Amino acid sequence: MTERVFVFAYFTDNGQHGMRLATSRDGLHWKDIPGFEFVISPEKGLMRDPFLLLGPDDSFHLIWTTNWQSQDIGYASSADLVNWSDQRRLPVMADYPSTRNCWAPEMIFDEQANEYFIYWASTVPDFYPKNKGSSENDYDHRMWSITTKDFQTFSKPKVFFDPGFNVIDITLLKTPDQKIRLIGKDERLHPEKKNLFVCEAESFRGPFSTPSTPFTKSWVEGPATLQIGEWTYVYFDVYRKKRYEAKRTKDFKIWEDVSSQVTFPHGARHGSIITLPLTRFNTITPRPHENSPSN
């Protein structure tokens, strides 16, 4: 079996400092990479909810939330997680000027279509009826998406997941049974939800099944997943208590709480996880990030 390393990209505080990286060999104990601090810092705005993907071009592609209120998402790429391209703000919702925000973007590479499928949560009051009062500040998010082959030209944005209620923080994965799973956060406050659910589909683009009953308690967000053998681990940010917790499952029906077994760097918030062969990870040469703020 090829040796591998799990890499967790995350942010701290309000996202003003940038992205940090932690690693694990067992999916339970996560530690920052020695020599790294904030490996990339925002040139403008914030760098929240970093999502890191190793593309078929062997480059690391990073997208993130640029601010609490914006019509764009951030983008940069790197061959080694040390040297980064110029940061760009992708105006994904420019066609909808009433858009209030673009939160927690993620993406997958669709091998069949040979393109990247990028998705995020936005509230667009002029586009669909809102459930006024269901969440803070009248937010009523749906999941939007675009596609691109080269991060230069993009399709028009469209709603890709609408469960009929306020939803954010979607992550997509293919499980060993070859099913597509969607894990997301029910963002409703009235009635109080703020918990995670699961849907199934035959394709990353849906259609998706009715959301399951929640498998977490309330006031969690930012699910990130990792497949280790038969187990699918789901890590999530318990943001009111300022800690990470985790559950694992083999069938997405029975869940085992493994929160007491996991350790994350202090202050870690909403991030993403990739798996790298040890040989690929060993090509990364850490160095302190210039002008990094202190912890």
Protein backbone atom coordinates (compact mmCIF):
# COMPACT_ATOMS: atom_id res chain seq x y z
CA MET A 1 0.00 0.00 0.00
CA THR A 2 1.29 3.43 -0.93
CA GLU A 3 2.18 5.47 2.12
CA ARG A 4 0.13 8.66 2.36
CA VAL A 5 -0.23 11.84 4.36
CA PHE A 6 -3.46 13.70 5.10
CA VAL A 7 -3.21 17.49 4.81
CA PHE A 8 -5.70 19.82 6.49
CA ALA A 9 -5.99 23.40 5.17
CA TYR A 10 -7.67 25.73 7.66
CA PHE A 11 -7.96 29.30 8.90
CA THR A 12 -7.92 30.88 12.35
CA ASP A 13 -9.56 33.87 14.01
CA ASN A 14 -11.59 35.82 11.39
CA GLY A 15 -9.54 34.73 8.39
CA GLN A 16 -7.48 37.90 8.24
CA HIS A 17 -4.13 36.06 8.52
CA GLY A 18 -4.54 33.43 5.82
CA MET A 19 -4.35 29.66 5.42
CA ARG A 20 -2.46 27.23 7.63
CA LEU A 21 -1.65 23.56 7.00
CA ALA A 22 -1.68 20.62 9.39
CA THR A 23 -0.95 16.95 8.69
CA SER A 24 -1.92 13.57 10.05
CA ARG A 25 -1.03 9.96 9.30
CA ASP A 26 -4.01 8.43 11.12
CA GLY A 27 -6.80 10.98 10.59
CA LEU A 28 -7.06 11.57 14.33
CA HIS A 29 -4.00 13.52 15.44
CA TRP A 30 -3.36 16.69 13.44
CA LYS A 31 -0.29 18.91 13.82
CA ASP A 32 0.95 21.98 11.99
CA ILE A 33 3.77 21.41 9.50
CA PRO A 34 7.07 22.53 11.08
CA GLY A 35 8.48 25.54 9.24
CA PHE A 36 5.12 26.72 7.98
CA GLU A 37 3.10 29.50 9.53
CA PHE A 38 0.45 31.12 7.34
CA VAL A 39 1.40 29.61 3.98
CA ILE A 40 -0.62 32.14 2.01
CA SER A 41 -2.14 35.36 3.33
CA PRO A 42 -4.91 37.45 1.73
CA GLU A 43 -3.71 40.41 -0.30
CA LYS A 44 -7.12 42.00 0.18
CA GLY A 45 -10.06 41.13 2.38
CA LEU A 46 -10.15 37.82 4.26
CA MET A 47 -9.18 34.22 3.60
CA ARG A 48 -11.87 32.13 5.27
CA ASP A 49 -12.98 28.56 4.58
CA PRO A 50 -9.96 27.56 2.46
CA PHE A 51 -10.65 24.67 0.11
CA LEU A 52 -7.61 22.94 -1.35
CA LEU A 53 -7.68 20.51 -4.28
CA LEU A 54 -4.86 18.71 -6.08
CA GLY A 55 -5.88 18.85 -9.73
CA PRO A 56 -5.08 16.45 -12.57
CA ASP A 57 -2.41 18.96 -13.64
CA ASP A 58 -0.55 18.13 -10.39
CA SER A 59 -1.10 21.71 -9.19
CA PHE A 60 -2.78 22.69 -5.95
CA HIS A 61 -5.84 24.87 -6.52
CA LEU A 62 -7.14 26.96 -3.63
CA ILE A 63 -10.44 28.81 -3.32
CA TRP A 64 -11.80 30.71 -0.31
CA THR A 65 -14.34 33.16 1.11
CA THR A 66 -13.02 36.68 0.53
CA ASN A 67 -15.33 38.56 2.86
CA TRP A 68 -18.57 38.39 4.79
CA GLN A 69 -20.35 40.27 2.01
CA SER A 70 -19.08 39.93 -1.56
CA GLN A 71 -20.00 38.68 -5.02
CA ASP A 72 -16.72 36.84 -5.56
CA ILE A 73 -14.52 34.03 -4.27
CA GLY A 74 -10.73 33.96 -4.00
CA TYR A 75 -8.44 31.81 -6.14
CA ALA A 76 -4.72 30.98 -6.27
CA SER A 77 -2.65 27.98 -7.35
CA SER A 78 0.67 26.45 -6.41
CA ALA A 79 2.95 23.62 -7.50
CA ASP A 80 4.41 23.10 -4.04
CA LEU A 81 2.17 24.79 -1.41
CA VAL A 82 5.01 27.27 -0.86
CA ASN A 83 5.14 29.46 -3.94
CA TRP A 84 1.74 30.78 -5.03
CA SER A 85 0.32 32.42 -8.13
CA ASP A 86 -1.13 35.91 -7.99
CA GLN A 87 -4.34 35.94 -6.01
CA ARG A 88 -7.49 36.59 -8.02
CA ARG A 89 -11.03 37.37 -7.02
CA LEU A 90 -13.38 35.44 -9.28
CA PRO A 91 -16.60 37.49 -9.77
CA VAL A 92 -18.81 34.40 -9.77
CA MET A 93 -22.04 36.27 -8.93
CA ALA A 94 -21.51 39.45 -10.94
CA ASP A 95 -24.57 38.59 -13.06
CA TYR A 96 -26.75 38.93 -9.94
CA PRO A 97 -25.99 42.36 -8.44
CA SER A 98 -28.33 41.84 -5.48
CA THR A 99 -26.17 38.93 -4.24
CA ARG A 100 -25.30 39.49 -0.61
CA ASN A 101 -22.49 36.98 -0.15
CA CYS A 102 -20.47 34.03 -1.47
CA TRP A 103 -19.57 31.68 1.36
CA ALA A 104 -17.42 28.56 1.75
CA PRO A 105 -16.66 27.64 -1.87
CA GLU A 106 -15.63 24.09 -2.65
CA MET A 107 -14.95 22.14 -5.85
CA ILE A 108 -14.43 18.74 -7.38
CA PHE A 109 -12.77 17.76 -10.63
CA ASP A 110 -15.38 16.06 -12.81
CA GLU A 111 -13.38 13.47 -14.78
CA GLN A 112 -16.24 12.67 -17.15
CA ALA A 113 -16.73 16.31 -18.15
CA ASN A 114 -12.99 17.11 -17.81
CA GLU A 115 -13.72 20.28 -15.84
CA TYR A 116 -13.79 21.73 -12.36
CA PHE A 117 -17.19 22.04 -10.71
CA ILE A 118 -17.14 24.91 -8.18
CA TYR A 119 -19.97 25.54 -5.73
CA TRP A 120 -20.73 27.90 -2.83
CA ALA A 121 -23.60 29.39 -0.78
CA SER A 122 -25.21 32.72 -1.71
CA THR A 123 -28.25 34.71 -0.67
CA VAL A 124 -29.80 36.34 -3.76
CA PRO A 125 -33.01 38.11 -2.66
CA ASP A 126 -34.12 38.93 -6.22
CA PHE A 127 -33.72 35.40 -7.55
CA TYR A 128 -35.87 33.21 -5.31
CA PRO A 129 -38.38 33.75 -2.52
CA LYS A 130 -36.74 34.01 0.86
CA ASN A 131 -38.00 32.51 4.09
CA LYS A 132 -37.86 35.81 5.90
CA GLY A 133 -36.89 35.41 9.52
CA SER A 134 -35.61 31.83 9.20
CA SER A 135 -32.04 32.93 9.87
CA GLU A 136 -29.94 35.83 11.06
CA ASN A 137 -30.15 39.07 9.06
CA ASP A 138 -32.70 37.52 6.68
CA TYR A 139 -30.08 35.35 4.99
CA ASP A 140 -31.62 32.58 2.87
CA HIS A 141 -28.83 30.71 1.11
CA ARG A 142 -28.95 28.23 -1.73
CA MET A 143 -26.00 26.46 -3.31
CA TRP A 144 -24.78 27.96 -6.59
CA SER A 145 -22.23 26.57 -9.04
CA ILE A 146 -20.04 27.28 -12.06
CA THR A 147 -17.68 25.15 -14.13
CA THR A 148 -14.27 25.83 -15.62
CA LYS A 149 -11.52 23.90 -17.38
CA ASP A 150 -8.71 26.38 -16.79
CA PHE A 151 -9.75 28.94 -14.12
CA GLN A 152 -9.78 31.55 -16.88
CA THR A 153 -13.19 31.12 -18.48
CA PHE A 154 -16.29 30.11 -16.54
CA SER A 155 -19.85 29.04 -17.14
CA LYS A 156 -22.76 31.17 -15.98
CA PRO A 157 -23.71 30.65 -12.32
CA LYS A 158 -26.80 28.65 -11.49
CA VAL A 159 -28.48 27.11 -8.46
CA PHE A 160 -27.21 23.57 -8.04
CA PHE A 161 -28.78 22.53 -4.72
CA ASP A 162 -32.03 23.86 -3.26
CA PRO A 163 -33.50 21.71 -0.46
CA GLY A 164 -36.22 24.29 0.17
CA PHE A 165 -34.51 25.85 3.15
CA ASN A 166 -31.48 27.94 4.09
CA VAL A 167 -28.38 25.81 3.43
CA ILE A 168 -24.62 26.44 3.53
CA ASP A 169 -21.28 24.60 3.80
CA ILE A 170 -21.89 21.81 1.29
CA THR A 171 -19.19 19.23 0.68
CA LEU A 172 -19.36 16.45 -1.94
CA LEU A 173 -17.68 13.05 -1.92
CA LYS A 174 -17.78 9.65 -3.61
CA THR A 175 -17.84 6.80 -1.11
CA PRO A 176 -16.51 3.23 -1.60
CA ASP A 177 -20.00 2.03 -2.59
CA GLN A 178 -19.67 4.41 -5.59
CA LYS A 179 -22.49 6.63 -4.35
CA ILE A 180 -22.25 10.39 -4.32
CA ARG A 181 -22.87 11.92 -0.92
CA LEU A 182 -23.64 15.53 -0.14
CA ILE A 183 -23.07 16.72 3.41
CA GLY A 184 -24.36 20.16 4.30
CA LYS A 185 -25.50 22.47 7.05
CA ASP A 186 -29.14 23.34 7.68
CA GLU A 187 -28.63 27.03 8.44
CA ARG A 188 -32.11 27.75 9.77
CA LEU A 189 -32.37 29.50 13.11
CA HIS A 190 -36.18 29.53 13.36
CA PRO A 191 -36.82 26.69 13.98
CA GLU A 192 -33.31 26.13 15.34
CA LYS A 193 -31.31 23.69 13.23
CA LYS A 194 -27.68 24.70 12.57
CA ASN A 195 -26.76 21.01 12.14
CA LEU A 196 -25.41 18.66 9.46
CA PHE A 197 -27.37 16.33 7.16
CA VAL A 198 -26.66 13.93 4.27
CA CYS A 199 -28.14 13.48 0.78
CA GLU A 200 -27.41 10.90 -1.93
CA ALA A 201 -27.16 11.15 -5.71
CA GLU A 202 -25.88 9.32 -8.78
CA SER A 203 -23.95 12.39 -9.95
CA PHE A 204 -22.02 15.19 -8.29
CA ARG A 205 -24.49 17.59 -9.90
CA GLY A 206 -27.59 15.86 -8.55
CA PRO A 207 -30.48 15.46 -8.36
CA PHE A 208 -30.16 14.75 -4.66
CA SER A 209 -32.33 12.80 -2.25
CA THR A 210 -34.32 14.39 0.55
CA PRO A 211 -31.97 15.52 3.35
CA SER A 212 -31.55 12.98 6.14
CA THR A 213 -32.28 13.64 9.76
CA PRO A 214 -29.31 15.51 11.30
CA PHE A 215 -26.35 13.41 12.42
CA THR A 216 -24.83 16.15 14.61
CA LYS A 217 -26.00 18.44 17.35
CA SER A 218 -26.80 22.10 16.60
CA TRP A 219 -24.34 24.95 16.12
CA VAL A 220 -21.75 23.15 14.02
CA GLU A 221 -20.49 23.96 10.52
CA GLY A 222 -17.75 23.44 7.95
CA PRO A 223 -17.82 19.66 7.35
CA ALA A 224 -14.66 18.11 5.89
CA THR A 225 -14.43 14.43 5.01
CA LEU A 226 -11.76 11.74 4.84
CA GLN A 227 -12.02 8.10 3.73
CA ILE A 228 -9.93 5.67 5.78
CA GLY A 229 -10.63 2.06 4.87
CA GLU A 230 -14.32 1.33 5.39
CA TRP A 231 -14.85 4.45 7.45
CA THR A 232 -15.90 7.87 6.25
CA TYR A 233 -14.78 10.48 8.78
CA VAL A 234 -16.63 13.79 8.97
CA TYR A 235 -14.88 16.58 10.87
CA PHE A 236 -16.74 19.76 11.77
CA ASP A 237 -16.21 23.11 13.44
CA VAL A 238 -18.08 23.46 16.74
CA TYR A 239 -17.66 27.18 16.42
CA ARG A 240 -19.40 28.39 19.57
CA LYS A 241 -17.14 26.16 21.68
CA LYS A 242 -14.09 26.90 19.50
CA ARG A 243 -13.12 23.31 18.85
CA TYR A 244 -13.23 20.58 16.21
CA GLU A 245 -15.18 17.37 16.60
CA ALA A 246 -15.66 14.32 14.38
CA LYS A 247 -17.93 11.38 13.62
CA ARG A 248 -17.41 8.39 11.40
CA THR A 249 -19.71 6.00 9.55
CA LYS A 250 -19.69 3.01 7.21
CA ASP A 251 -23.20 3.44 5.84
CA PHE A 252 -24.26 7.06 6.59
CA LYS A 253 -26.98 5.71 8.85
CA ILE A 254 -25.09 4.64 11.96
CA TRP A 255 -22.63 7.23 13.26
CA GLU A 256 -19.86 6.81 15.81
CA ASP A 257 -18.67 9.89 17.70
CA VAL A 258 -14.85 9.96 17.74
CA SER A 259 -14.48 13.53 19.00
CA SER A 260 -12.61 12.38 22.10
CA GLN A 261 -9.96 10.81 19.86
CA VAL A 262 -9.20 13.75 17.57
CA THR A 263 -6.79 16.61 18.21
CA PHE A 264 -6.42 19.66 15.99
CA PRO A 265 -4.17 22.73 16.18
CA HIS A 266 -5.47 25.35 18.58
CA GLY A 267 -7.91 27.75 16.96
CA ALA A 268 -8.43 25.70 13.78
CA ARG A 269 -11.57 26.67 11.89
CA HIS A 270 -13.54 25.55 8.81
CA GLY A 271 -11.11 23.84 6.47
CA SER A 272 -10.63 21.03 3.94
CA ILE A 273 -8.61 17.83 3.70
CA ILE A 274 -6.61 16.26 0.87
CA THR A 275 -4.69 12.98 0.75
CA LEU A 276 -1.18 13.01 -0.71
CA PRO A 277 1.19 10.14 -1.45
CA LEU A 278 4.15 10.42 0.90
CA THR A 279 6.47 10.82 -2.09
CA ARG A 280 4.44 13.85 -3.27
CA PHE A 281 4.29 15.33 0.22
CA ASN A 282 8.06 15.01 0.57
CA THR A 283 8.56 17.34 -2.42
CA ILE A 284 7.14 20.19 -0.32
CA THR A 285 9.89 22.23 1.33
CA PRO A 286 8.43 24.37 4.09
CA ARG A 287 9.74 27.86 4.73
CA PRO A 288 8.32 30.61 6.96
CA HIS A 289 5.81 32.77 5.14
CA GLU A 290 7.04 36.34 4.67
CA ASN A 291 5.45 38.89 6.98
CA SER A 292 3.41 36.25 8.76
CA PRO A 293 1.58 37.54 11.82
CA SER A 294 2.35 35.95 15.14
CA ASN A 295 -0.06 33.39 16.63
